[in-house]
Amino acid sequence: DELSGEWYSHEYEFNYCEALMVIVFVIVAVMFEVVWHGVVHLGSESYSYGRYHEDRAVWDLVPMERDNHGNVKHKKLYREHITRMGGEFMTLGLLAFLIFVVNQTGGFDSFASSFQGESPDGFAYPGTGEEWFHLAEIVHIQLFLAVVLYFSLILCLVRGSINKIKHWEKLQLRHKVHRQLQHETDQRQLTFGDRELNKHLAWREYLITHMLKWKTERPEVFSRALGDLDIDPNASDSEQQFQTAVDEHFSLSVYLSLNLENGVVDSIQINIQTWMGIIFLMGFFALLHRCAKIDILALQPWFLCILCTLLLSMVVTFQVQRRQITQFTAARMNPDTHRESSGTSTGFEGSKTCLQQMCRIHQRWSSERTLLRTLQVCLFLLSYAFARVLVDYHDWETKFTTTLLTCSFFTVLFLLLAYSLPRTVPDFLAVTALPPFVDPVNLEFLFKQLLDDHMDTPEALEHRDGATRMSHDDMVYELADIMGVRNQLDHRVSIKGSSPQHV
């Protein structure tokens, strides 16, 4: 059959034409995306009543919508995922329309006449307009399946991120109840046994303590924070006022959730930088196919190595940061032991200096965003490679066993990615939002949350207008509901016959 791929003698000849076709399609997709984004922006910025009353900070690095209470409106990740996936399908529909137009107007016949089926050095090209049309259809279907596979992986990431955000919100509610009960009961006694909340509070104390160090390490950032909190930087107790204000108002759950949402949405949005990276790599592949005569299958192990390296670096970053927070917590609990250990660690000054230099780099630009976009390119190219295996019916007919094994390998690989992504990426984005990885994007979220309304102050809880103060027993019952142990609490209360607070 002439349409089964017999126009090429070697696999790299087909790979070369395929790579060129992918580059053309991606360029068209980027152009359409830029135009469509401009149209959407004009629509979102169009006039509605109340526009003249809005007080927008146009200089914000990360623009954020707020509700009527001044709290940042969090993104619905499932909706972001569905909306973006629909946009990509619309782009694929445009490509299908353009393929139809080019075919009907004789464009593919012109390609066949220009290339004449073979170059002077004997490199094969499609010889007829029908073969060019068939190649365009194959590439279009492969891109469609690649988008489906890619967004399937991102859906797993979205699900894991939402579960993490739910966990943080529950921790904030438990912290809120503990703050209500703190007047008559010691905070440590209340949180005893709640391992996750203790870990959350340790992260919060770690962040606040390092924010105080910014007075000498990052003075311009510290001055801005004092300004946002209306604290006089020349006051003798400015540091104490800052620590008190942040401890009363700052919500770590909101801050971590905003950073996680921002990173996941950036992965959902296949942005122009990612498309440019794909275009560059496909161009590089085309050169290898044309000059070095290398098949695309020989290049796939390299992407697997890069992907594994990226995921491993995320895991290592999380483990190192968690160990640092654990050491910080242990030092706060046992200052004498920490002083002795710090006195014997002078031999590591060189490594400390190197680490400080790396931290300065992380503070100037968003290294986690660069890492995520590199991961995004690798995931999309792996999705495209899997789609090629699924669509290549010629190999299914002639190399069924080999193709089946390759398909099985990709299936196992994608199952492993579906398992690891929702467990690795959210933790990585959380720890890189803490010192020493706080970059300009993290700072924007941090400053927006210094006075967040979700974390109520003790005064607000005691004097809130129109609110009914809860009894201690009601607070304990609410805490048990949040922790999911209400049945156990009721059982123990009925056995001991005492109040829930004593139980």
Protein backbone atom coordinates (compact mmCIF):
# COMPACT_ATOMS: atom_id res chain seq x y z
CA ASP A 1 0.00 0.00 0.00
CA GLU A 2 1.41 3.36 -1.03
CA LEU A 3 0.01 5.05 2.07
CA SER A 4 1.59 2.61 4.54
CA GLY A 5 4.92 4.45 4.58
CA GLU A 6 6.69 2.82 1.62
CA TRP A 7 7.93 6.17 0.33
CA TYR A 8 10.85 6.01 2.80
CA SER A 9 13.60 3.42 2.90
CA HIS A 10 14.85 4.15 6.43
CA GLU A 11 13.09 5.13 9.63
CA TYR A 12 15.12 8.31 10.05
CA GLU A 13 13.78 9.65 6.72
CA PHE A 14 10.25 9.43 8.04
CA ASN A 15 11.39 10.86 11.40
CA TYR A 16 12.94 13.87 9.66
CA CYS A 17 9.79 14.80 7.74
CA GLU A 18 7.72 14.12 10.83
CA ALA A 19 9.88 16.45 12.95
CA LEU A 20 9.54 19.24 10.40
CA MET A 21 5.77 18.76 10.36
CA VAL A 22 5.63 18.91 14.18
CA ILE A 23 7.62 22.17 14.15
CA VAL A 24 5.20 23.73 11.66
CA PHE A 25 2.16 22.62 13.67
CA VAL A 26 3.60 23.88 16.97
CA ILE A 27 4.44 27.27 15.42
CA VAL A 28 0.85 27.56 14.17
CA ALA A 29 -0.42 26.54 17.62
CA VAL A 30 1.75 29.18 19.32
CA MET A 31 0.55 31.90 16.94
CA PHE A 32 -3.07 30.95 17.54
CA GLU A 33 -2.48 30.82 21.30
CA VAL A 34 -0.96 34.31 21.35
CA VAL A 35 -3.89 35.74 19.37
CA TRP A 36 -6.46 33.90 21.49
CA HIS A 37 -4.79 34.99 24.72
CA GLY A 38 -4.94 38.59 23.55
CA VAL A 39 -8.66 38.28 22.76
CA VAL A 40 -9.36 36.71 26.17
CA HIS A 41 -7.35 39.45 27.88
CA LEU A 42 -9.35 42.16 26.10
CA GLY A 43 -12.56 40.48 27.20
CA SER A 44 -11.48 40.10 30.82
CA GLU A 45 -10.29 43.71 30.99
CA SER A 46 -13.47 45.11 29.41
CA TYR A 47 -15.58 47.53 31.42
CA SER A 48 -18.05 46.46 34.08
CA TYR A 49 -19.72 48.52 36.76
CA GLY A 50 -17.36 49.22 39.64
CA ARG A 51 -14.28 49.40 37.45
CA TYR A 52 -13.57 52.97 38.55
CA HIS A 53 -13.74 51.92 42.22
CA GLU A 54 -11.16 49.22 41.89
CA ASP A 55 -7.76 49.82 43.40
CA ARG A 56 -5.44 47.54 41.47
CA ALA A 57 -1.72 47.26 42.00
CA VAL A 58 -0.60 47.11 38.37
CA TRP A 59 2.99 46.52 39.42
CA ASP A 60 2.26 43.19 41.06
CA LEU A 61 4.54 40.44 39.78
CA VAL A 62 1.81 37.84 40.35
CA PRO A 63 -1.67 39.40 39.96
CA MET A 64 -4.21 37.80 42.29
CA GLU A 65 -7.97 38.17 42.63
CA ARG A 66 -9.41 38.85 46.08
CA ASP A 67 -12.83 38.33 47.65
CA ASN A 68 -14.93 40.89 49.53
CA HIS A 69 -12.98 40.25 52.74
CA GLY A 70 -9.60 40.93 51.12
CA ASN A 71 -8.53 37.29 51.07
CA VAL A 72 -6.82 35.94 47.99
CA LYS A 73 -9.16 33.82 45.87
CA HIS A 74 -7.63 30.43 45.36
CA LYS A 75 -7.66 28.74 41.98
CA LYS A 76 -9.84 25.72 41.29
CA LEU A 77 -7.27 23.39 39.82
CA TYR A 78 -9.76 20.99 38.26
CA ARG A 79 -11.42 23.87 36.44
CA GLU A 80 -8.03 25.19 35.30
CA HIS A 81 -7.17 21.72 33.99
CA ILE A 82 -10.45 21.27 32.12
CA THR A 83 -10.36 24.78 30.66
CA ARG A 84 -6.81 24.44 29.41
CA MET A 85 -7.45 20.98 27.99
CA GLY A 86 -10.42 22.39 26.08
CA GLY A 87 -8.22 25.17 24.71
CA GLU A 88 -5.67 22.67 23.44
CA PHE A 89 -8.41 20.67 21.72
CA MET A 90 -9.61 23.86 20.07
CA THR A 91 -6.07 24.44 18.78
CA LEU A 92 -5.99 20.90 17.41
CA GLY A 93 -9.30 21.61 15.70
CA LEU A 94 -7.71 24.63 14.02
CA LEU A 95 -4.84 22.43 12.82
CA ALA A 96 -7.33 19.94 11.37
CA PHE A 97 -9.06 22.79 9.54
CA LEU A 98 -5.74 24.07 8.13
CA ILE A 99 -4.79 20.55 6.96
CA PHE A 100 -8.14 20.35 5.17
CA VAL A 101 -7.64 23.77 3.53
CA VAL A 102 -4.07 23.00 2.40
CA ASN A 103 -5.19 19.69 0.95
CA GLN A 104 -8.18 21.18 -0.88
CA THR A 105 -6.13 24.04 -2.33
CA GLY A 106 -3.40 21.73 -3.66
CA GLY A 107 -0.78 22.73 -1.11
CA PHE A 108 0.42 19.18 -0.52
CA ASP A 109 0.73 18.62 -4.28
CA SER A 110 2.97 21.70 -4.36
CA PHE A 111 5.14 20.18 -1.63
CA ALA A 112 5.46 16.97 -3.66
CA SER A 113 6.47 18.95 -6.76
CA SER A 114 9.06 20.94 -4.83
CA PHE A 115 10.79 17.98 -3.16
CA GLN A 116 10.23 15.53 -6.07
CA GLY A 117 10.32 12.56 -3.71
CA GLU A 118 14.08 12.56 -3.23
CA SER A 119 16.95 14.97 -2.56
CA PRO A 120 20.15 15.03 -4.69
CA ASP A 121 21.96 12.98 -2.03
CA GLY A 122 19.27 10.28 -2.12
CA PHE A 123 17.32 11.30 1.03
CA ALA A 124 13.68 10.25 0.58
CA TYR A 125 10.66 12.56 0.87
CA PRO A 126 6.94 11.89 0.27
CA GLY A 127 6.57 11.72 -3.50
CA THR A 128 2.89 12.62 -3.90
CA GLY A 129 0.47 15.12 -2.41
CA GLU A 130 -1.52 12.26 -0.94
CA GLU A 131 1.55 11.00 0.94
CA TRP A 132 2.18 14.50 2.34
CA PHE A 133 -1.49 14.71 3.36
CA HIS A 134 -1.27 11.30 5.03
CA LEU A 135 1.89 12.36 6.92
CA ALA A 136 0.14 15.53 8.14
CA GLU A 137 -2.83 13.49 9.37
CA ILE A 138 -0.56 11.06 11.23
CA VAL A 139 1.32 13.88 12.96
CA HIS A 140 -1.98 15.59 13.84
CA ILE A 141 -3.39 12.42 15.43
CA GLN A 142 -0.13 11.84 17.30
CA LEU A 143 -0.28 15.36 18.71
CA PHE A 144 -3.88 14.76 19.75
CA LEU A 145 -2.98 11.58 21.63
CA ALA A 146 0.10 13.28 23.11
CA VAL A 147 -2.10 16.05 24.52
CA VAL A 148 -4.49 13.47 25.99
CA LEU A 149 -1.63 11.51 27.59
CA TYR A 150 0.07 14.66 28.90
CA PHE A 151 -3.08 16.03 30.50
CA SER A 152 -3.78 12.60 31.99
CA LEU A 153 -0.46 12.86 33.86
CA ILE A 154 -1.21 16.45 34.85
CA LEU A 155 -4.62 15.32 36.11
CA CYS A 156 -2.83 12.99 38.53
CA LEU A 157 -0.69 15.93 39.63
CA VAL A 158 -3.80 18.10 40.10
CA ARG A 159 -5.49 15.42 42.20
CA GLY A 160 -2.43 15.03 44.43
CA SER A 161 -2.08 18.80 44.79
CA ILE A 162 -5.73 19.21 45.79
CA ASN A 163 -5.32 16.51 48.44
CA LYS A 164 -2.26 18.33 49.76
CA ILE A 165 -4.12 21.66 49.87
CA LYS A 166 -7.05 20.01 51.68
CA HIS A 167 -4.58 18.67 54.23
CA TRP A 168 -3.07 22.13 54.77
CA GLU A 169 -6.50 23.71 55.21
CA LYS A 170 -7.45 21.12 57.83
CA LEU A 171 -4.19 21.86 59.64
CA GLN A 172 -5.03 25.56 59.62
CA LEU A 173 -8.46 24.86 61.10
CA ARG A 174 -6.92 22.71 63.81
CA HIS A 175 -4.42 25.48 64.52
CA LYS A 176 -7.30 27.94 64.73
CA VAL A 177 -9.11 25.84 67.34
CA HIS A 178 -5.88 25.47 69.32
CA ARG A 179 -5.45 29.24 69.34
CA GLN A 180 -8.96 29.58 70.74
CA LEU A 181 -8.15 27.16 73.55
CA GLN A 182 -4.70 28.60 74.18
CA HIS A 183 -5.82 31.06 76.90
CA GLU A 184 -6.25 28.37 79.55
CA THR A 185 -4.22 25.48 78.19
CA ASP A 186 -0.61 25.30 77.06
CA GLN A 187 -0.17 25.19 73.27
CA ARG A 188 2.25 22.24 73.37
CA GLN A 189 -0.13 20.26 75.56
CA LEU A 190 -2.96 20.86 73.07
CA THR A 191 -0.91 19.74 70.06
CA PHE A 192 0.64 16.77 71.84
CA GLY A 193 0.02 13.67 69.75
CA ASP A 194 -0.94 15.65 66.64
CA ARG A 195 2.20 14.89 64.66
CA GLU A 196 1.10 16.58 61.44
CA LEU A 197 0.10 19.80 63.20
CA ASN A 198 3.39 19.87 65.12
CA LYS A 199 5.24 19.48 61.82
CA HIS A 200 3.14 22.27 60.29
CA LEU A 201 3.86 24.60 63.22
CA ALA A 202 7.57 23.76 62.99
CA TRP A 203 7.55 24.82 59.32
CA ARG A 204 5.73 28.02 60.29
CA GLU A 205 8.22 28.85 63.05
CA TYR A 206 11.11 28.05 60.69
CA LEU A 207 9.79 30.54 58.12
CA ILE A 208 9.11 33.30 60.65
CA THR A 209 12.54 32.89 62.26
CA HIS A 210 14.30 33.18 58.91
CA MET A 211 12.17 36.19 58.02
CA LEU A 212 13.66 37.93 61.06
CA LYS A 213 17.15 37.16 59.69
CA TRP A 214 16.26 39.11 56.54
CA LYS A 215 16.95 42.32 58.47
CA THR A 216 20.66 41.71 57.89
CA GLU A 217 20.65 39.19 55.01
CA ARG A 218 17.98 40.79 52.78
CA PRO A 219 17.36 44.30 54.19
CA GLU A 220 15.26 45.56 51.26
CA VAL A 221 12.87 42.62 51.65
CA PHE A 222 12.63 43.11 55.41
CA SER A 223 11.94 46.84 54.99
CA ARG A 224 9.10 46.08 52.61
CA ALA A 225 7.62 43.60 55.06
CA LEU A 226 7.75 46.19 57.84
CA GLY A 227 6.01 48.68 55.57
CA ASP A 228 3.22 46.23 54.77
CA LEU A 229 2.69 45.67 58.49
CA ASP A 230 2.77 49.43 59.26
CA ILE A 231 5.77 49.01 61.57
CA ASP A 232 8.27 51.82 62.00
CA PRO A 233 11.65 50.42 60.86
CA ASN A 234 13.46 52.88 63.17
CA ALA A 235 11.65 51.65 66.28
CA SER A 236 13.83 49.91 68.85
CA ASP A 237 11.43 46.98 69.10
CA SER A 238 10.71 46.71 65.38
CA GLU A 239 11.83 43.07 65.28
CA GLN A 240 9.59 42.14 68.21
CA GLN A 241 6.64 43.96 66.63
CA PHE A 242 7.29 42.18 63.35
CA GLN A 243 7.44 38.74 64.98
CA THR A 244 4.27 39.40 66.97
CA ALA A 245 2.33 40.67 63.95
CA VAL A 246 3.40 37.82 61.70
CA ASP A 247 2.75 35.20 64.38
CA GLU A 248 -0.80 36.50 64.89
CA HIS A 249 -1.80 37.02 61.26
CA PHE A 250 0.34 34.95 58.91
CA SER A 251 -1.24 31.80 57.47
CA LEU A 252 1.30 29.24 56.33
CA SER A 253 -1.45 27.08 54.82
CA VAL A 254 -2.58 29.88 52.53
CA TYR A 255 0.99 30.75 51.58
CA LEU A 256 1.93 27.15 50.71
CA SER A 257 -1.36 26.63 48.86
CA LEU A 258 -0.81 29.71 46.70
CA ASN A 259 2.69 28.60 45.75
CA LEU A 260 1.49 25.08 44.96
CA GLU A 261 -1.44 26.39 42.91
CA ASN A 262 0.88 28.70 40.98
CA GLY A 263 3.27 25.87 40.13
CA VAL A 264 0.53 23.43 39.11
CA VAL A 265 -1.27 26.02 36.97
CA ASP A 266 2.05 26.77 35.27
CA SER A 267 2.32 23.05 34.46
CA ILE A 268 -1.26 22.98 33.18
CA GLN A 269 -0.65 25.96 30.94
CA ILE A 270 1.61 24.78 28.13
CA ASN A 271 3.14 28.25 27.87
CA ILE A 272 5.13 29.77 25.03
CA GLN A 273 8.47 29.00 26.70
CA THR A 274 7.56 25.32 26.77
CA TRP A 275 6.49 25.37 23.12
CA MET A 276 9.76 27.11 22.21
CA GLY A 277 11.66 24.37 24.00
CA ILE A 278 9.75 21.72 22.07
CA ILE A 279 10.42 23.53 18.77
CA PHE A 280 14.14 23.75 19.58
CA LEU A 281 14.37 20.07 20.46
CA MET A 282 12.39 18.95 17.40
CA GLY A 283 14.72 21.07 15.25
CA PHE A 284 17.70 19.42 16.90
CA PHE A 285 16.14 16.01 16.27
CA ALA A 286 15.56 16.92 12.63
CA LEU A 287 19.27 17.71 12.24
CA LEU A 288 20.20 14.37 13.81
CA HIS A 289 17.77 12.53 11.51
CA ARG A 290 19.02 14.35 8.41
CA CYS A 291 22.75 14.53 9.04
CA ALA A 292 23.58 11.77 11.52
CA LYS A 293 20.79 9.46 10.27
CA ILE A 294 19.66 8.57 13.81
CA ASP A 295 16.21 7.12 14.49
CA ILE A 296 13.98 8.73 17.11
CA LEU A 297 13.94 5.53 19.18
CA ALA A 298 17.66 5.99 19.87
CA LEU A 299 16.93 9.39 21.48
CA GLN A 300 14.21 8.32 23.91
CA PRO A 301 16.55 6.86 26.60
CA TRP A 302 18.12 10.30 26.97
CA PHE A 303 14.77 11.83 27.87
CA LEU A 304 14.14 9.08 30.37
CA CYS A 305 17.46 9.90 32.03
CA ILE A 306 16.63 13.62 32.12
CA LEU A 307 13.17 12.93 33.52
CA CYS A 308 14.55 10.64 36.24
CA THR A 309 17.20 13.26 37.09
CA LEU A 310 14.55 15.97 37.47
CA LEU A 311 12.36 13.85 39.73
CA LEU A 312 15.38 12.74 41.76
CA SER A 313 16.50 16.35 42.23
CA MET A 314 13.02 17.20 43.55
CA VAL A 315 13.15 14.34 46.03
CA VAL A 316 16.66 15.29 47.17
CA THR A 317 15.66 18.96 47.59
CA PHE A 318 12.68 17.94 49.71
CA GLN A 319 14.75 15.61 51.89
CA VAL A 320 17.52 18.17 52.42
CA GLN A 321 15.05 20.92 53.30
CA ARG A 322 13.11 18.66 55.64
CA ARG A 323 16.32 17.65 57.40
CA GLN A 324 17.23 21.32 57.80
CA ILE A 325 13.83 22.09 59.34
CA THR A 326 14.18 19.09 61.66
CA GLN A 327 17.60 20.30 62.81
CA PHE A 328 16.16 23.79 63.32
CA THR A 329 13.33 22.38 65.48
CA ALA A 330 15.76 20.25 67.49
CA ALA A 331 18.00 23.26 68.04
CA ARG A 332 15.04 25.29 69.34
CA MET A 333 14.12 22.50 71.76
CA ASN A 334 17.75 21.83 72.86
CA PRO A 335 19.78 25.02 72.40
CA ASP A 336 22.75 23.74 74.49
CA THR A 337 23.18 20.64 72.33
CA HIS A 338 22.96 22.74 69.19
CA ARG A 339 25.60 25.14 70.49
CA GLU A 340 28.01 22.27 71.12
CA SER A 341 27.41 20.72 67.70
CA SER A 342 27.81 24.06 65.93
CA GLY A 343 31.13 24.55 67.65
CA THR A 344 32.49 21.32 66.16
CA SER A 345 31.32 22.01 62.60
CA THR A 346 33.95 24.52 61.57
CA GLY A 347 35.35 22.09 59.05
CA PHE A 348 32.32 22.58 56.86
CA GLU A 349 32.73 26.32 56.30
CA GLY A 350 33.70 25.79 52.67
CA SER A 351 30.57 23.77 51.93
CA LYS A 352 28.49 26.35 53.78
CA THR A 353 29.89 29.12 51.58
CA CYS A 354 29.03 27.12 48.49
CA LEU A 355 25.50 26.55 49.80
CA GLN A 356 25.09 30.26 50.49
CA GLN A 357 26.08 31.07 46.92
CA MET A 358 23.49 28.62 45.63
CA CYS A 359 20.87 30.17 47.91
CA ARG A 360 21.56 33.62 46.48
CA ILE A 361 20.94 32.23 43.00
CA HIS A 362 17.63 30.71 44.12
CA GLN A 363 16.59 34.04 45.68
CA ARG A 364 17.06 35.97 42.43
CA TRP A 365 15.10 33.81 40.01
CA SER A 366 12.49 31.10 40.26
CA SER A 367 14.57 27.95 39.92
CA GLU A 368 11.58 25.71 40.69
CA ARG A 369 9.65 27.20 37.77
CA THR A 370 12.56 26.47 35.42
CA LEU A 371 12.72 22.92 36.75
CA LEU A 372 8.96 22.46 36.31
CA ARG A 373 9.02 23.73 32.73
CA THR A 374 11.90 21.43 31.88
CA LEU A 375 9.88 18.59 33.37
CA GLN A 376 6.92 19.78 31.31
CA VAL A 377 8.91 19.54 28.05
CA CYS A 378 10.12 16.02 28.94
CA LEU A 379 6.62 14.86 29.83
CA PHE A 380 5.15 16.19 26.61
CA LEU A 381 7.86 14.62 24.44
CA LEU A 382 7.45 11.30 26.24
CA SER A 383 3.69 11.57 25.67
CA TYR A 384 4.35 12.21 21.99
CA ALA A 385 6.70 9.21 21.82
CA PHE A 386 4.03 7.00 23.42
CA ALA A 387 1.46 8.36 20.95
CA ARG A 388 3.77 7.45 18.05
CA VAL A 389 3.87 3.85 19.21
CA LEU A 390 0.10 3.70 19.53
CA VAL A 391 -0.55 5.24 16.09
CA ASP A 392 2.16 3.44 14.08
CA TYR A 393 -0.08 0.77 12.57
CA HIS A 394 2.66 -0.17 10.08
CA ASP A 395 4.87 -1.36 12.97
CA TRP A 396 1.90 -3.10 14.55
CA GLU A 397 1.53 -5.09 11.34
CA THR A 398 5.19 -5.84 10.66
CA LYS A 399 6.75 -5.78 14.17
CA PHE A 400 3.89 -6.76 16.42
CA THR A 401 5.93 -8.31 19.26
CA THR A 402 8.46 -5.46 19.41
CA THR A 403 5.73 -2.84 19.24
CA LEU A 404 3.71 -4.59 21.93
CA LEU A 405 6.73 -4.70 24.25
CA THR A 406 7.44 -1.01 23.58
CA CYS A 407 3.81 -0.15 24.28
CA SER A 408 3.92 -2.16 27.52
CA PHE A 409 7.08 -0.34 28.58
CA PHE A 410 5.47 3.06 28.02
CA THR A 411 2.35 1.92 29.90
CA VAL A 412 4.40 0.92 32.94
CA LEU A 413 6.38 4.15 32.70
CA PHE A 414 3.24 6.29 32.65
CA LEU A 415 1.77 4.37 35.58
CA LEU A 416 4.95 5.08 37.55
CA LEU A 417 4.75 8.76 36.60
CA ALA A 418 1.07 8.89 37.56
CA TYR A 419 2.10 7.54 40.97
CA SER A 420 5.22 9.66 41.55
CA LEU A 421 4.19 13.08 40.20
CA PRO A 422 1.39 13.80 42.73
CA ARG A 423 3.71 12.74 45.56
CA THR A 424 6.89 14.51 44.45
CA VAL A 425 5.92 17.82 42.86
CA PRO A 426 3.63 19.19 45.65
CA ASP A 427 6.25 18.48 48.34
CA PHE A 428 8.94 20.04 46.15
CA LEU A 429 6.91 23.22 45.60
CA ALA A 430 6.17 23.43 49.32
CA VAL A 431 9.78 23.23 50.52
CA THR A 432 11.05 25.60 47.81
CA ALA A 433 8.61 28.21 49.13
CA LEU A 434 10.58 28.23 52.40
CA PRO A 435 14.00 29.79 53.08
CA PRO A 436 16.56 29.71 51.60
CA PHE A 437 14.62 29.20 48.34
CA VAL A 438 12.30 32.24 48.65
CA ASP A 439 12.45 33.88 45.20
CA PRO A 440 10.64 37.00 43.88
CA VAL A 441 7.49 35.00 43.03
CA ASN A 442 7.38 33.48 46.53
CA LEU A 443 7.88 36.94 48.02
CA GLU A 444 4.81 38.28 46.22
CA PHE A 445 2.68 35.53 47.75
CA LEU A 446 4.36 36.06 51.12
CA PHE A 447 3.65 39.79 51.25
CA LYS A 448 0.06 39.22 50.21
CA GLN A 449 -0.39 36.84 53.16
CA LEU A 450 1.24 38.85 55.94
CA LEU A 451 -2.23 40.12 56.91
CA ASP A 452 -4.46 37.33 55.69
CA ASP A 453 -7.98 37.22 57.12
CA HIS A 454 -8.18 33.44 57.17
CA MET A 455 -6.04 33.31 60.33
CA ASP A 456 -8.05 35.07 63.02
CA THR A 457 -6.29 36.86 65.84
CA PRO A 458 -7.19 36.15 69.48
CA GLU A 459 -8.70 39.64 69.75
CA ALA A 460 -10.82 39.06 66.67
CA LEU A 461 -11.99 35.76 68.04
CA GLU A 462 -12.92 37.33 71.37
CA HIS A 463 -14.55 40.52 70.15
CA ARG A 464 -15.95 39.58 66.74
CA ASP A 465 -19.15 41.49 66.11
CA GLY A 466 -22.27 39.41 65.95
CA ALA A 467 -20.45 36.16 66.71
CA THR A 468 -21.32 33.76 69.51
CA ARG A 469 -18.34 32.60 71.53
CA MET A 470 -17.99 28.84 71.58
CA SER A 471 -17.58 26.92 74.81
CA HIS A 472 -14.44 24.88 75.37
CA ASP A 473 -16.37 21.65 74.96
CA ASP A 474 -17.75 22.84 71.62
CA MET A 475 -14.25 23.74 70.49
CA VAL A 476 -13.02 20.25 71.39
CA TYR A 477 -15.91 18.69 69.49
CA GLU A 478 -15.13 20.89 66.46
CA LEU A 479 -11.46 19.90 66.65
CA ALA A 480 -12.46 16.22 66.79
CA ASP A 481 -14.63 16.69 63.69
CA ILE A 482 -11.74 18.31 61.82
CA MET A 483 -9.38 15.49 62.81
CA GLY A 484 -11.96 12.81 61.99
CA VAL A 485 -11.97 11.29 65.50
CA ARG A 486 -15.42 12.41 66.69
CA ASN A 487 -16.70 8.84 67.19
CA GLN A 488 -13.68 7.90 69.30
CA LEU A 489 -14.14 11.04 71.41
CA ASP A 490 -17.83 10.36 72.00
CA HIS A 491 -17.01 6.78 73.03
CA ARG A 492 -14.37 7.88 75.55
CA VAL A 493 -16.63 10.61 76.94
CA SER A 494 -19.43 8.08 77.48
CA ILE A 495 -17.04 5.66 79.24
CA LYS A 496 -15.28 8.15 81.52
CA GLY A 497 -18.29 10.37 82.10
CA SER A 498 -16.16 13.52 82.02
CA SER A 499 -16.14 16.59 79.79
CA PRO A 500 -14.61 16.42 76.28
CA GLN A 501 -11.98 18.97 77.27
CA HIS A 502 -10.66 16.72 80.09
CA VAL A 503 -10.73 13.64 77.84
